[in-house]
Amino acid sequence: MSHGYDTGRLNLPFVGISTFAKAPYEPDWTKINADVAILGAPFDFGTQWRAGARFGPRSIREASTLFSFGHAGAYDHEDDVTYLADTRIVDLGDADIVHTDTLASHANIEAGVRAILDSGAMPVVLGGDHSVNIPCIAAFSDQKPVHVVQIDAHLDFVDERHGVRFGHGNPMRRAAERSWVSGLSQIGMRNVSSTAKEGYDDARRMGSDIVSVRQFRAMGADAMLDRIPGGARYYVTIDIDGFDPSIAPGTGTPSHGGFLYYEILEFLDGLTRRGTVVGIDLVEVAPDYDHSGSTATLAAQLLLNLIGRAFAPEGGQRN
């Protein structure tokens, strides 16, 4: 016997299929009609140490259901804004990954992002390792220029290592080479890193502003925002290892001394008001290293808040 279905299904978080935020699934990429389209990129062949980020998209989607109680948006009493109430989100599923074939897999990710951009929606890509950013940025070749904002423990500015140019240590170098990337703000780099001094020198020479966690904290979020070109189109790439492993242990290359949640939320909130966020990827969630699921929850919570602010309604305080 059913109860209460005459007024609609409850569809509680633990019920049903785990699309991102319980958004509608759209398998036909020629029929995207939304403000935001979620694309999974379960590719982790670019890792240099611990693999497992191929399961990131599934874990982030499942974690996102925690925040999907079916209310009309998400009210933030501090900002006095109801976010996500009128934001149309669809989940496209995953780009097809060809095991061991980096170029074919990246091409399929790029095709998915291009389909989203062609529809007029904003792409939000769930990685996967950070190499998936390479096809994401490539897909913007026909768009107006973008400024890349990176949250990460590692610079990812290696040109070539052992003949590898498309691994997870290369994406920001590949981005800087693109004519449609107007500059990079690289935030969170710390301690021992994947990039040698030459990479830092090259990054600065090619237009990067590099800020460590300690430097960010010393200046504050507002001063960091002042360093980023105003009125620009921002592509935001978030490596979950930019956060401290005390709150994000589920990643292949954890690095102590990282950010905490509100530091980055406040920064991203300011970024959405300084210019226009036009694309997002969140990468390197490897859920098998975190049996609590907290890392995936952090990823989902951050994405929902960033999407909400990118499409924030007019009015409200947003203090």
C-alpha atoms as a PDB file:
ATOM      1  CA  MET A   1       0.000   0.000   0.000  1.00  0.00           C
ATOM      2  CA  SER A   2       1.346   3.417  -0.948  1.00  0.00           C
ATOM      3  CA  HIS A   3       1.080   6.433   1.301  1.00  0.00           C
ATOM      4  CA  GLY A   4       1.057  10.072   0.279  1.00  0.00           C
ATOM      5  CA  TYR A   5       1.734   9.587  -3.426  1.00  0.00           C
ATOM      6  CA  ASP A   6      -1.380  11.562  -4.300  1.00  0.00           C
ATOM      7  CA  THR A   7       0.657  14.649  -3.425  1.00  0.00           C
ATOM      8  CA  GLY A   8       3.813  13.536  -5.206  1.00  0.00           C
ATOM      9  CA  ARG A   9       6.800  11.337  -4.475  1.00  0.00           C
ATOM     10  CA  LEU A  10       9.064  12.296  -1.595  1.00  0.00           C
ATOM     11  CA  ASN A  11      12.175  11.229  -3.520  1.00  0.00           C
ATOM     12  CA  LEU A  12      14.382  11.388  -0.439  1.00  0.00           C
ATOM     13  CA  PRO A  13      18.172  11.531  -0.889  1.00  0.00           C
ATOM     14  CA  PHE A  14      18.702   7.793  -0.347  1.00  0.00           C
ATOM     15  CA  VAL A  15      16.025   6.837  -2.904  1.00  0.00           C
ATOM     16  CA  GLY A  16      16.424   6.540  -6.657  1.00  0.00           C
ATOM     17  CA  ILE A  17      19.280   6.993  -9.081  1.00  0.00           C
ATOM     18  CA  SER A  18      22.170   9.279  -8.144  1.00  0.00           C
ATOM     19  CA  THR A  19      22.309  11.944 -10.775  1.00  0.00           C
ATOM     20  CA  PHE A  20      24.038  15.130  -9.633  1.00  0.00           C
ATOM     21  CA  ALA A  21      21.704  16.866  -7.166  1.00  0.00           C
ATOM     22  CA  LYS A  22      18.914  14.563  -8.377  1.00  0.00           C
ATOM     23  CA  ALA A  23      18.835  16.630 -11.586  1.00  0.00           C
ATOM     24  CA  PRO A  24      17.186  15.182 -14.706  1.00  0.00           C
ATOM     25  CA  TYR A  25      19.330  12.840 -16.783  1.00  0.00           C
ATOM     26  CA  GLU A  26      19.761  13.894 -20.409  1.00  0.00           C
ATOM     27  CA  PRO A  27      21.430  11.175 -22.508  1.00  0.00           C
ATOM     28  CA  ASP A  28      20.980  13.060 -25.802  1.00  0.00           C
ATOM     29  CA  TRP A  29      23.692  15.700 -25.944  1.00  0.00           C
ATOM     30  CA  THR A  30      21.967  17.419 -28.880  1.00  0.00           C
ATOM     31  CA  LYS A  31      18.974  18.237 -26.659  1.00  0.00           C
ATOM     32  CA  ILE A  32      20.567  20.065 -23.737  1.00  0.00           C
ATOM     33  CA  ASN A  33      18.168  22.709 -22.422  1.00  0.00           C
ATOM     34  CA  ALA A  34      19.516  24.000 -19.139  1.00  0.00           C
ATOM     35  CA  ASP A  35      21.573  26.640 -17.383  1.00  0.00           C
ATOM     36  CA  VAL A  36      24.117  24.076 -16.153  1.00  0.00           C
ATOM     37  CA  ALA A  37      25.081  20.711 -17.585  1.00  0.00           C
ATOM     38  CA  ILE A  38      27.008  18.170 -15.522  1.00  0.00           C
ATOM     39  CA  LEU A  39      29.462  15.910 -17.347  1.00  0.00           C
ATOM     40  CA  GLY A  40      31.415  13.114 -15.718  1.00  0.00           C
ATOM     41  CA  ALA A  41      35.002  12.525 -16.858  1.00  0.00           C
ATOM     42  CA  PRO A  42      36.002   9.262 -15.111  1.00  0.00           C
ATOM     43  CA  PHE A  43      39.550   9.275 -16.464  1.00  0.00           C
ATOM     44  CA  ASP A  44      42.576   8.697 -14.218  1.00  0.00           C
ATOM     45  CA  PHE A  45      45.314   7.412 -16.539  1.00  0.00           C
ATOM     46  CA  GLY A  46      47.175  10.704 -16.055  1.00  0.00           C
ATOM     47  CA  THR A  47      48.037  10.016 -12.422  1.00  0.00           C
ATOM     48  CA  GLN A  48      51.646   9.618 -11.334  1.00  0.00           C
ATOM     49  CA  TRP A  49      50.991   7.890  -8.024  1.00  0.00           C
ATOM     50  CA  ARG A  50      47.678   6.657  -6.611  1.00  0.00           C
ATOM     51  CA  ALA A  51      44.912   6.060  -9.133  1.00  0.00           C
ATOM     52  CA  GLY A  52      41.195   5.871  -8.324  1.00  0.00           C
ATOM     53  CA  ALA A  53      39.795   9.225  -9.482  1.00  0.00           C
ATOM     54  CA  ARG A  54      37.887   7.372 -12.199  1.00  0.00           C
ATOM     55  CA  PHE A  55      35.327   6.753  -9.456  1.00  0.00           C
ATOM     56  CA  GLY A  56      35.156  10.456  -8.588  1.00  0.00           C
ATOM     57  CA  PRO A  57      32.083  11.304 -10.683  1.00  0.00           C
ATOM     58  CA  ARG A  58      30.016   8.503  -9.147  1.00  0.00           C
ATOM     59  CA  SER A  59      31.023   9.442  -5.618  1.00  0.00           C
ATOM     60  CA  ILE A  60      30.338  13.161  -6.123  1.00  0.00           C
ATOM     61  CA  ARG A  61      26.930  12.432  -7.615  1.00  0.00           C
ATOM     62  CA  GLU A  62      26.004  10.170  -4.738  1.00  0.00           C
ATOM     63  CA  ALA A  63      27.258  12.689  -2.174  1.00  0.00           C
ATOM     64  CA  SER A  64      25.266  15.451  -3.879  1.00  0.00           C
ATOM     65  CA  THR A  65      22.010  13.683  -3.086  1.00  0.00           C
ATOM     66  CA  LEU A  66      22.561  14.626   0.560  1.00  0.00           C
ATOM     67  CA  PHE A  67      21.637  18.178  -0.449  1.00  0.00           C
ATOM     68  CA  SER A  68      18.657  17.194  -2.621  1.00  0.00           C
ATOM     69  CA  PHE A  69      15.618  17.173  -0.387  1.00  0.00           C
ATOM     70  CA  GLY A  70      13.348  18.624  -3.042  1.00  0.00           C
ATOM     71  CA  HIS A  71      12.994  22.055  -1.452  1.00  0.00           C
ATOM     72  CA  ALA A  72      12.627  25.045  -3.723  1.00  0.00           C
ATOM     73  CA  GLY A  73      16.288  26.013  -3.786  1.00  0.00           C
ATOM     74  CA  ALA A  74      18.723  26.375  -0.910  1.00  0.00           C
ATOM     75  CA  TYR A  75      18.184  29.278   1.468  1.00  0.00           C
ATOM     76  CA  ASP A  76      21.337  30.786   2.979  1.00  0.00           C
ATOM     77  CA  HIS A  77      20.379  32.819   6.038  1.00  0.00           C
ATOM     78  CA  GLU A  78      23.740  34.609   6.172  1.00  0.00           C
ATOM     79  CA  ASP A  79      23.370  35.900   2.627  1.00  0.00           C
ATOM     80  CA  ASP A  80      19.561  36.134   2.785  1.00  0.00           C
ATOM     81  CA  VAL A  81      19.475  34.519  -0.663  1.00  0.00           C
ATOM     82  CA  THR A  82      17.737  31.393  -1.901  1.00  0.00           C
ATOM     83  CA  TYR A  83      20.201  29.798  -4.276  1.00  0.00           C
ATOM     84  CA  LEU A  84      19.432  27.249  -7.021  1.00  0.00           C
ATOM     85  CA  ALA A  85      15.669  27.846  -6.922  1.00  0.00           C
ATOM     86  CA  ASP A  86      15.424  28.678 -10.622  1.00  0.00           C
ATOM     87  CA  THR A  87      18.690  27.192 -11.879  1.00  0.00           C
ATOM     88  CA  ARG A  88      18.043  24.479 -14.444  1.00  0.00           C
ATOM     89  CA  ILE A  89      20.571  21.661 -14.050  1.00  0.00           C
ATOM     90  CA  VAL A  90      20.807  18.522 -16.163  1.00  0.00           C
ATOM     91  CA  ASP A  91      23.173  15.570 -15.820  1.00  0.00           C
ATOM     92  CA  LEU A  92      24.564  14.258 -19.102  1.00  0.00           C
ATOM     93  CA  GLY A  93      26.182  11.182 -17.617  1.00  0.00           C
ATOM     94  CA  ASP A  94      29.828  10.506 -18.458  1.00  0.00           C
ATOM     95  CA  ALA A  95      32.074  11.033 -21.438  1.00  0.00           C
ATOM     96  CA  ASP A  96      33.106   7.708 -22.916  1.00  0.00           C
ATOM     97  CA  ILE A  97      36.523   6.640 -21.658  1.00  0.00           C
ATOM     98  CA  VAL A  98      38.690   4.254 -23.666  1.00  0.00           C
ATOM     99  CA  HIS A  99      40.911   2.422 -21.203  1.00  0.00           C
ATOM    100  CA  THR A 100      44.626   3.218 -21.627  1.00  0.00           C
ATOM    101  CA  ASP A 101      43.903   5.626 -24.533  1.00  0.00           C
ATOM    102  CA  THR A 102      44.482   9.149 -23.282  1.00  0.00           C
ATOM    103  CA  LEU A 103      43.938  10.995 -26.561  1.00  0.00           C
ATOM    104  CA  ALA A 104      40.695   9.212 -27.438  1.00  0.00           C
ATOM    105  CA  SER A 105      39.347   9.666 -23.922  1.00  0.00           C
ATOM    106  CA  HIS A 106      40.275  13.343 -23.872  1.00  0.00           C
ATOM    107  CA  ALA A 107      38.642  13.817 -27.280  1.00  0.00           C
ATOM    108  CA  ASN A 108      35.397  12.375 -25.934  1.00  0.00           C
ATOM    109  CA  ILE A 109      35.520  14.706 -22.926  1.00  0.00           C
ATOM    110  CA  GLU A 110      36.139  17.673 -25.229  1.00  0.00           C
ATOM    111  CA  ALA A 111      33.176  16.662 -27.405  1.00  0.00           C
ATOM    112  CA  GLY A 112      30.942  16.633 -24.342  1.00  0.00           C
ATOM    113  CA  VAL A 113      32.040  20.079 -23.197  1.00  0.00           C
ATOM    114  CA  ARG A 114      31.619  21.464 -26.711  1.00  0.00           C
ATOM    115  CA  ALA A 115      28.077  20.094 -26.819  1.00  0.00           C
ATOM    116  CA  ILE A 116      27.316  21.888 -23.548  1.00  0.00           C
ATOM    117  CA  LEU A 117      28.769  25.165 -24.787  1.00  0.00           C
ATOM    118  CA  ASP A 118      26.895  24.869 -28.095  1.00  0.00           C
ATOM    119  CA  SER A 119      23.659  24.562 -26.118  1.00  0.00           C
ATOM    120  CA  GLY A 120      24.367  27.758 -24.180  1.00  0.00           C
ATOM    121  CA  ALA A 121      24.676  25.977 -20.828  1.00  0.00           C
ATOM    122  CA  MET A 122      27.613  26.231 -18.432  1.00  0.00           C
ATOM    123  CA  PRO A 123      29.738  23.055 -18.271  1.00  0.00           C
ATOM    124  CA  VAL A 124      30.518  21.535 -14.884  1.00  0.00           C
ATOM    125  CA  VAL A 125      32.864  18.583 -15.288  1.00  0.00           C
ATOM    126  CA  LEU A 126      33.410  15.988 -12.567  1.00  0.00           C
ATOM    127  CA  GLY A 127      36.848  14.356 -12.741  1.00  0.00           C
ATOM    128  CA  GLY A 128      38.782  12.224 -13.027  1.00  0.00           C
ATOM    129  CA  ASP A 129      42.363  13.331 -12.628  1.00  0.00           C
ATOM    130  CA  HIS A 130      43.460  16.865 -13.454  1.00  0.00           C
ATOM    131  CA  SER A 131      44.450  15.970 -16.998  1.00  0.00           C
ATOM    132  CA  VAL A 132      40.740  16.158 -17.884  1.00  0.00           C
ATOM    133  CA  ASN A 133      41.110  19.932 -17.675  1.00  0.00           C
ATOM    134  CA  ILE A 134      43.109  19.792 -20.923  1.00  0.00           C
ATOM    135  CA  PRO A 135      40.126  18.790 -23.123  1.00  0.00           C
ATOM    136  CA  CYS A 136      37.845  21.056 -21.086  1.00  0.00           C
ATOM    137  CA  ILE A 137      39.944  24.116 -21.914  1.00  0.00           C
ATOM    138  CA  ALA A 138      40.373  22.932 -25.509  1.00  0.00           C
ATOM    139  CA  ALA A 139      36.590  22.997 -25.913  1.00  0.00           C
ATOM    140  CA  PHE A 140      36.565  26.776 -25.343  1.00  0.00           C
ATOM    141  CA  SER A 141      38.511  27.481 -28.559  1.00  0.00           C
ATOM    142  CA  ASP A 142      35.469  29.066 -30.235  1.00  0.00           C
ATOM    143  CA  GLN A 143      34.486  31.084 -27.158  1.00  0.00           C
ATOM    144  CA  LYS A 144      35.542  34.486 -25.936  1.00  0.00           C
ATOM    145  CA  PRO A 145      38.776  34.477 -23.871  1.00  0.00           C
ATOM    146  CA  VAL A 146      38.752  32.998 -20.385  1.00  0.00           C
ATOM    147  CA  HIS A 147      40.896  33.605 -17.318  1.00  0.00           C
ATOM    148  CA  VAL A 148      41.706  30.327 -15.568  1.00  0.00           C
ATOM    149  CA  VAL A 149      41.381  30.282 -11.776  1.00  0.00           C
ATOM    150  CA  GLN A 150      43.003  27.189 -10.254  1.00  0.00           C
ATOM    151  CA  ILE A 151      42.649  25.913  -6.682  1.00  0.00           C
ATOM    152  CA  ASP A 152      45.312  23.252  -6.160  1.00  0.00           C
ATOM    153  CA  ALA A 153      48.225  22.078  -4.040  1.00  0.00           C
ATOM    154  CA  HIS A 154      50.294  21.605  -7.198  1.00  0.00           C
ATOM    155  CA  LEU A 155      51.202  23.968 -10.017  1.00  0.00           C
ATOM    156  CA  ASP A 156      50.593  21.382 -12.778  1.00  0.00           C
ATOM    157  CA  PHE A 157      52.829  23.350 -15.142  1.00  0.00           C
ATOM    158  CA  VAL A 158      55.123  20.597 -16.405  1.00  0.00           C
ATOM    159  CA  ASP A 159      55.763  20.945 -20.136  1.00  0.00           C
ATOM    160  CA  GLU A 160      56.911  17.390 -20.802  1.00  0.00           C
ATOM    161  CA  ARG A 161      58.181  14.621 -18.578  1.00  0.00           C
ATOM    162  CA  HIS A 162      59.326  11.271 -19.973  1.00  0.00           C
ATOM    163  CA  GLY A 163      57.514  12.154 -23.175  1.00  0.00           C
ATOM    164  CA  VAL A 164      54.221  12.759 -21.349  1.00  0.00           C
ATOM    165  CA  ARG A 165      52.437  15.998 -22.233  1.00  0.00           C
ATOM    166  CA  PHE A 166      48.836  15.196 -21.279  1.00  0.00           C
ATOM    167  CA  GLY A 167      49.098  13.845 -17.733  1.00  0.00           C
ATOM    168  CA  HIS A 168      47.809  15.422 -14.555  1.00  0.00           C
ATOM    169  CA  GLY A 169      51.023  17.415 -14.096  1.00  0.00           C
ATOM    170  CA  ASN A 170      50.577  19.191 -17.441  1.00  0.00           C
ATOM    171  CA  PRO A 171      47.142  20.876 -17.617  1.00  0.00           C
ATOM    172  CA  MET A 172      48.003  24.432 -16.598  1.00  0.00           C
ATOM    173  CA  ARG A 173      50.960  24.478 -19.013  1.00  0.00           C
ATOM    174  CA  ARG A 174      48.671  23.333 -21.807  1.00  0.00           C
ATOM    175  CA  ALA A 175      46.096  25.966 -20.777  1.00  0.00           C
ATOM    176  CA  ALA A 176      48.683  28.755 -20.798  1.00  0.00           C
ATOM    177  CA  GLU A 177      49.550  27.821 -24.384  1.00  0.00           C
ATOM    178  CA  ARG A 178      45.982  28.401 -25.580  1.00  0.00           C
ATOM    179  CA  SER A 179      45.370  31.713 -27.337  1.00  0.00           C
ATOM    180  CA  TRP A 180      41.909  31.947 -25.758  1.00  0.00           C
ATOM    181  CA  VAL A 181      43.308  31.759 -22.203  1.00  0.00           C
ATOM    182  CA  SER A 182      44.016  35.343 -21.168  1.00  0.00           C
ATOM    183  CA  GLY A 183      45.847  34.474 -17.942  1.00  0.00           C
ATOM    184  CA  LEU A 184      45.976  32.185 -14.935  1.00  0.00           C
ATOM    185  CA  SER A 185      45.539  32.660 -11.186  1.00  0.00           C
ATOM    186  CA  GLN A 186      47.086  29.626  -9.482  1.00  0.00           C
ATOM    187  CA  ILE A 187      46.143  29.441  -5.811  1.00  0.00           C
ATOM    188  CA  GLY A 188      47.154  27.000  -3.064  1.00  0.00           C
ATOM    189  CA  MET A 189      50.582  25.763  -4.213  1.00  0.00           C
ATOM    190  CA  ARG A 190      52.656  24.631  -1.262  1.00  0.00           C
ATOM    191  CA  ASN A 191      55.653  22.702   0.058  1.00  0.00           C
ATOM    192  CA  VAL A 192      57.103  19.913  -2.039  1.00  0.00           C
ATOM    193  CA  SER A 193      55.446  20.101  -5.428  1.00  0.00           C
ATOM    194  CA  SER A 194      55.092  18.297  -8.722  1.00  0.00           C
ATOM    195  CA  THR A 195      56.643  21.165 -10.654  1.00  0.00           C
ATOM    196  CA  ALA A 196      60.323  22.144 -10.537  1.00  0.00           C
ATOM    197  CA  LYS A 197      61.554  25.730 -10.254  1.00  0.00           C
ATOM    198  CA  GLU A 198      61.758  25.970 -14.029  1.00  0.00           C
ATOM    199  CA  GLY A 199      58.026  25.347 -14.177  1.00  0.00           C
ATOM    200  CA  TYR A 200      57.332  28.214 -11.786  1.00  0.00           C
ATOM    201  CA  ASP A 201      59.584  30.481 -13.842  1.00  0.00           C
ATOM    202  CA  ASP A 202      57.811  29.441 -17.036  1.00  0.00           C
ATOM    203  CA  ALA A 203      54.379  29.922 -15.457  1.00  0.00           C
ATOM    204  CA  ARG A 204      55.140  33.472 -14.387  1.00  0.00           C
ATOM    205  CA  ARG A 205      56.693  34.234 -17.762  1.00  0.00           C
ATOM    206  CA  MET A 206      53.541  32.947 -19.480  1.00  0.00           C
ATOM    207  CA  GLY A 207      51.187  35.075 -17.372  1.00  0.00           C
ATOM    208  CA  SER A 208      50.492  33.184 -14.154  1.00  0.00           C
ATOM    209  CA  ASP A 209      49.940  34.735 -10.732  1.00  0.00           C
ATOM    210  CA  ILE A 210      50.988  32.099  -8.174  1.00  0.00           C
ATOM    211  CA  VAL A 211      49.816  32.314  -4.548  1.00  0.00           C
ATOM    212  CA  SER A 212      50.394  29.798  -1.756  1.00  0.00           C
ATOM    213  CA  VAL A 213      47.931  28.947   1.002  1.00  0.00           C
ATOM    214  CA  ARG A 214      49.921  30.963   3.539  1.00  0.00           C
ATOM    215  CA  GLN A 215      50.159  33.935   1.198  1.00  0.00           C
ATOM    216  CA  PHE A 216      46.403  33.724   0.550  1.00  0.00           C
ATOM    217  CA  ARG A 217      45.672  33.671   4.276  1.00  0.00           C
ATOM    218  CA  ALA A 218      48.020  36.567   4.977  1.00  0.00           C
ATOM    219  CA  MET A 219      46.326  38.805   2.412  1.00  0.00           C
ATOM    220  CA  GLY A 220      42.735  37.535   2.726  1.00  0.00           C
ATOM    221  CA  ALA A 221      40.164  36.628   0.097  1.00  0.00           C
ATOM    222  CA  ASP A 222      39.379  40.219  -0.882  1.00  0.00           C
ATOM    223  CA  ALA A 223      43.014  41.042  -1.610  1.00  0.00           C
ATOM    224  CA  MET A 224      43.313  37.828  -3.613  1.00  0.00           C
ATOM    225  CA  LEU A 225      40.288  38.824  -5.655  1.00  0.00           C
ATOM    226  CA  ASP A 226      41.879  42.208  -6.332  1.00  0.00           C
ATOM    227  CA  ARG A 227      44.745  40.379  -8.064  1.00  0.00           C
ATOM    228  CA  ILE A 228      42.347  38.757 -10.547  1.00  0.00           C
ATOM    229  CA  PRO A 229      41.229  40.744 -13.624  1.00  0.00           C
ATOM    230  CA  GLY A 230      37.802  42.243 -12.996  1.00  0.00           C
ATOM    231  CA  GLY A 231      34.893  41.836 -15.390  1.00  0.00           C
ATOM    232  CA  ALA A 232      36.473  38.771 -16.992  1.00  0.00           C
ATOM    233  CA  ARG A 233      35.113  35.366 -17.951  1.00  0.00           C
ATOM    234  CA  TYR A 234      36.455  32.834 -15.454  1.00  0.00           C
ATOM    235  CA  TYR A 235      37.060  29.144 -15.912  1.00  0.00           C
ATOM    236  CA  VAL A 236      37.409  27.623 -12.438  1.00  0.00           C
ATOM    237  CA  THR A 237      39.375  24.404 -12.003  1.00  0.00           C
ATOM    238  CA  ILE A 238      39.361  22.908  -8.505  1.00  0.00           C
ATOM    239  CA  ASP A 239      41.701  20.103  -7.525  1.00  0.00           C
ATOM    240  CA  ILE A 240      40.320  18.639  -4.309  1.00  0.00           C
ATOM    241  CA  ASP A 241      43.899  18.307  -3.010  1.00  0.00           C
ATOM    242  CA  GLY A 242      43.930  22.089  -2.747  1.00  0.00           C
ATOM    243  CA  PHE A 243      42.024  21.442   0.474  1.00  0.00           C
ATOM    244  CA  ASP A 244      43.728  20.083   3.558  1.00  0.00           C
ATOM    245  CA  PRO A 245      43.727  16.262   3.740  1.00  0.00           C
ATOM    246  CA  SER A 246      42.170  16.537   7.200  1.00  0.00           C
ATOM    247  CA  ILE A 247      38.922  17.353   5.370  1.00  0.00           C
ATOM    248  CA  ALA A 248      39.745  15.857   1.954  1.00  0.00           C
ATOM    249  CA  PRO A 249      41.788  12.662   2.384  1.00  0.00           C
ATOM    250  CA  GLY A 250      40.189  10.981  -0.624  1.00  0.00           C
ATOM    251  CA  THR A 251      42.665  12.036  -3.274  1.00  0.00           C
ATOM    252  CA  GLY A 252      45.704  10.552  -4.955  1.00  0.00           C
ATOM    253  CA  THR A 253      48.246  13.217  -4.009  1.00  0.00           C
ATOM    254  CA  PRO A 254      47.297  14.707  -0.603  1.00  0.00           C
ATOM    255  CA  SER A 255      49.388  17.606   0.656  1.00  0.00           C
ATOM    256  CA  HIS A 256      49.150  18.923   4.217  1.00  0.00           C
ATOM    257  CA  GLY A 257      48.703  22.617   4.834  1.00  0.00           C
ATOM    258  CA  GLY A 258      45.733  23.052   2.544  1.00  0.00           C
ATOM    259  CA  PHE A 259      42.633  25.219   2.496  1.00  0.00           C
ATOM    260  CA  LEU A 260      39.524  24.844   4.627  1.00  0.00           C
ATOM    261  CA  TYR A 261      36.001  25.032   3.256  1.00  0.00           C
ATOM    262  CA  TYR A 262      34.972  28.602   4.013  1.00  0.00           C
ATOM    263  CA  GLU A 263      38.249  30.084   2.821  1.00  0.00           C
ATOM    264  CA  ILE A 264      37.521  28.903  -0.689  1.00  0.00           C
ATOM    265  CA  LEU A 265      33.748  29.405  -0.571  1.00  0.00           C
ATOM    266  CA  GLU A 266      34.218  33.058   0.362  1.00  0.00           C
ATOM    267  CA  PHE A 267      36.782  33.475  -2.405  1.00  0.00           C
ATOM    268  CA  LEU A 268      34.543  31.814  -5.008  1.00  0.00           C
ATOM    269  CA  ASP A 269      31.568  33.874  -3.844  1.00  0.00           C
ATOM    270  CA  GLY A 270      33.576  37.023  -4.500  1.00  0.00           C
ATOM    271  CA  LEU A 271      34.746  35.679  -7.847  1.00  0.00           C
ATOM    272  CA  THR A 272      31.161  35.222  -9.084  1.00  0.00           C
ATOM    273  CA  ARG A 273      30.557  38.914  -8.362  1.00  0.00           C
ATOM    274  CA  ARG A 274      33.855  40.112  -9.854  1.00  0.00           C
ATOM    275  CA  GLY A 275      33.164  38.622 -13.270  1.00  0.00           C
ATOM    276  CA  THR A 276      31.346  35.710 -14.895  1.00  0.00           C
ATOM    277  CA  VAL A 277      32.073  32.054 -14.211  1.00  0.00           C
ATOM    278  CA  VAL A 278      31.643  30.271 -17.542  1.00  0.00           C
ATOM    279  CA  GLY A 279      33.012  26.804 -16.793  1.00  0.00           C
ATOM    280  CA  ILE A 280      33.996  24.599 -13.870  1.00  0.00           C
ATOM    281  CA  ASP A 281      35.797  21.358 -13.318  1.00  0.00           C
ATOM    282  CA  LEU A 282      36.429  19.616 -10.009  1.00  0.00           C
ATOM    283  CA  VAL A 283      39.009  16.860 -10.118  1.00  0.00           C
ATOM    284  CA  GLU A 284      41.094  14.293  -8.232  1.00  0.00           C
ATOM    285  CA  VAL A 285      38.391  12.951  -5.905  1.00  0.00           C
ATOM    286  CA  ALA A 286      39.467   9.323  -5.371  1.00  0.00           C
ATOM    287  CA  PRO A 287      36.808   7.994  -3.003  1.00  0.00           C
ATOM    288  CA  ASP A 288      38.425   4.698  -2.068  1.00  0.00           C
ATOM    289  CA  TYR A 289      40.989   6.561   0.044  1.00  0.00           C
ATOM    290  CA  ASP A 290      38.227   8.054   2.196  1.00  0.00           C
ATOM    291  CA  HIS A 291      35.768   5.534   3.542  1.00  0.00           C
ATOM    292  CA  SER A 292      33.845   8.244   5.386  1.00  0.00           C
ATOM    293  CA  GLY A 293      32.787   9.824   2.082  1.00  0.00           C
ATOM    294  CA  SER A 294      33.681  13.263   3.425  1.00  0.00           C
ATOM    295  CA  THR A 295      35.851  14.202   0.440  1.00  0.00           C
ATOM    296  CA  ALA A 296      33.030  13.605  -2.035  1.00  0.00           C
ATOM    297  CA  THR A 297      30.637  15.497   0.233  1.00  0.00           C
ATOM    298  CA  LEU A 298      33.023  18.457   0.266  1.00  0.00           C
ATOM    299  CA  ALA A 299      33.195  18.347  -3.539  1.00  0.00           C
ATOM    300  CA  ALA A 300      29.419  18.222  -3.954  1.00  0.00           C
ATOM    301  CA  GLN A 301      28.771  20.931  -1.367  1.00  0.00           C
ATOM    302  CA  LEU A 302      31.344  23.250  -2.916  1.00  0.00           C
ATOM    303  CA  LEU A 303      29.987  22.729  -6.441  1.00  0.00           C
ATOM    304  CA  LEU A 304      26.384  23.331  -5.449  1.00  0.00           C
ATOM    305  CA  ASN A 305      27.354  26.526  -3.641  1.00  0.00           C
ATOM    306  CA  LEU A 306      29.464  27.730  -6.558  1.00  0.00           C
ATOM    307  CA  ILE A 307      26.738  26.966  -9.102  1.00  0.00           C
ATOM    308  CA  GLY A 308      24.204  28.698  -6.879  1.00  0.00           C
ATOM    309  CA  ARG A 309      26.300  31.819  -6.652  1.00  0.00           C
ATOM    310  CA  ALA A 310      27.154  31.825 -10.356  1.00  0.00           C
ATOM    311  CA  PHE A 311      23.404  31.995 -11.052  1.00  0.00           C
ATOM    312  CA  ALA A 312      22.434  34.014  -7.973  1.00  0.00           C
ATOM    313  CA  PRO A 313      19.138  35.901  -8.193  1.00  0.00           C
ATOM    314  CA  GLU A 314      19.116  39.661  -8.176  1.00  0.00           C
ATOM    315  CA  GLY A 315      18.561  41.165  -4.754  1.00  0.00           C
ATOM    316  CA  GLY A 316      19.431  39.681  -1.400  1.00  0.00           C
ATOM    317  CA  GLN A 317      22.350  40.751   0.699  1.00  0.00           C
ATOM    318  CA  ARG A 318      25.076  38.255  -0.255  1.00  0.00           C
ATOM    319  CA  ASN A 319      27.172  39.732   2.552  1.00  0.00           C
END
